Protein backbone atom coordinates (compact mmCIF):
# COMPACT_ATOMS: atom_id res chain seq x y z
CA MET A 1 -13.64 13.72 -20.73
CA THR A 2 -13.45 13.55 -17.15
CA ILE A 3 -17.14 12.09 -17.07
CA ILE A 4 -16.57 9.75 -19.40
CA ALA A 5 -13.46 8.38 -17.71
CA LEU A 6 -14.78 8.74 -14.08
CA VAL A 7 -17.92 6.49 -15.36
CA VAL A 8 -15.39 4.34 -17.21
CA LEU A 9 -13.58 3.80 -13.78
CA ALA A 10 -16.71 3.70 -11.49
CA THR A 11 -17.86 0.76 -13.97
CA GLY A 12 -14.67 -1.22 -13.56
CA THR A 13 -14.61 -1.03 -10.59
CA TYR A 14 -17.71 -1.97 -9.56
CA LEU A 15 -17.79 -5.05 -11.66
CA MET A 16 -14.32 -6.00 -10.23
CA ARG A 17 -16.38 -6.07 -6.98
CA LEU A 18 -19.56 -8.10 -8.34
CA VAL A 19 -17.58 -10.69 -10.79
CA PRO A 20 -16.27 -12.56 -7.70
CA LEU A 21 -19.47 -12.54 -6.16
CA LEU A 22 -21.11 -13.71 -9.46
CA LEU A 23 -18.62 -16.59 -10.42
CA HIS A 24 -17.82 -17.67 -6.92
CA ASP A 25 -19.65 -21.22 -6.94
CA ARG A 26 -19.44 -21.26 -10.50
CA LEU A 27 -15.34 -21.05 -11.24
CA ASP A 28 -13.09 -23.52 -9.37
CA LEU A 29 -9.21 -22.32 -9.66
CA SER A 30 -6.60 -24.48 -8.82
CA ALA A 31 -4.42 -24.48 -5.37
CA ARG A 32 -1.59 -23.26 -7.49
CA THR A 33 -3.79 -20.23 -9.17
CA ILE A 34 -5.22 -18.93 -6.19
CA ARG A 35 -1.49 -18.91 -4.54
CA PHE A 36 -0.42 -16.75 -7.61
CA VAL A 37 -3.21 -14.57 -7.08
CA GLU A 38 -1.94 -13.94 -3.26
CA LEU A 39 1.15 -13.42 -4.01
CA GLY A 40 0.38 -11.20 -6.69
CA ALA A 41 -1.52 -8.73 -4.18
CA VAL A 42 1.26 -8.42 -1.89
CA ALA A 43 3.92 -8.10 -4.51
CA LEU A 44 1.61 -4.55 -5.67
CA LEU A 45 1.28 -3.45 -1.84
CA VAL A 46 5.24 -3.96 -1.62
CA ALA A 47 5.69 -1.83 -4.58
CA LEU A 48 3.06 0.73 -3.48
CA VAL A 49 5.03 1.04 0.19
CA ALA A 50 8.66 0.70 -1.73
CA THR A 51 7.41 3.94 -4.24
CA GLY A 52 5.80 6.04 -1.11
CA THR A 53 8.45 5.48 0.99
CA TRP A 54 11.45 5.99 -1.39
CA PHE A 55 10.15 8.62 -3.77
CA GLU A 56 7.97 11.78 -3.96
CA GLY A 57 7.05 11.64 -7.84
CA GLN A 58 10.51 11.89 -9.39
CA GLU A 59 12.67 12.33 -6.84
CA PHE A 60 13.93 10.78 -3.77
CA ALA A 61 12.10 11.54 -1.13
CA GLY A 62 15.04 11.85 1.48
CA TRP A 63 16.12 10.04 4.43
CA ALA A 64 13.67 11.06 6.62
CA ARG A 65 10.79 9.08 5.51
CA PRO A 66 12.07 5.58 4.87
CA ALA A 67 13.48 6.17 8.57
CA GLY A 68 9.78 6.57 9.60
CA VAL A 69 8.79 3.69 7.67
CA ALA A 70 11.67 1.38 9.15
CA VAL A 71 10.44 2.78 12.80
CA ALA A 72 7.39 1.17 11.86
CA ALA A 73 8.16 -1.43 10.39
CA VAL A 74 9.72 -2.64 13.86
CA GLY A 75 6.31 -1.17 15.23
CA VAL A 76 4.26 -3.83 13.36
CA TRP A 77 7.00 -6.35 14.25
CA ARG A 78 6.61 -5.69 17.78
CA ARG A 79 2.96 -5.77 17.69
CA MET A 80 2.65 -2.43 18.94
CA PRO A 81 -0.91 -0.30 19.13
CA PHE A 82 -1.27 0.67 15.29
CA VAL A 83 -2.14 4.58 16.49
CA LEU A 84 1.39 4.21 18.39
CA ILE A 85 3.12 2.99 15.23
CA VAL A 86 1.67 5.70 13.38
CA VAL A 87 2.65 8.41 15.73
CA LEU A 88 5.98 7.07 16.58
CA ALA A 89 6.89 7.04 12.42
CA ALA A 90 5.05 10.89 12.27
CA VAL A 91 7.48 11.64 15.27
CA THR A 92 10.49 10.09 13.34
CA THR A 93 10.02 11.63 10.55
CA ALA A 94 9.15 15.28 11.72
CA LEU A 95 12.11 15.05 14.31
CA LEU A 96 14.51 14.28 11.54
CA ARG A 97 13.42 16.81 9.21
CA LEU A 98 13.46 19.38 11.88
CA ALA A 99 17.30 18.16 12.59
CA GLY A 100 17.83 19.07 9.12
CA VAL A 101 17.76 15.56 7.44
CA PRO A 102 15.67 15.72 4.16
């Protein structure tokens, strides 16, 4: 069963990457449709970040992780280097957890 699921997912991933290359010149999408697709991708990314920030499984992740993400957001806003943003977010989360903040 696992092999079948793996083959189905691999095939689906391959087709999702192949179809736009094959249909690029044959299919014209309106500007509105393209905008909806772009907004859908942004909404999906925001949903992934939100659930990864606030939840661990079915439970609340605690306040240390959202604080680290907030520090990372400020770093992005201030246009800091990516490595520095990751380090600052990790240090913030680690220090808060060390201080006893869940």
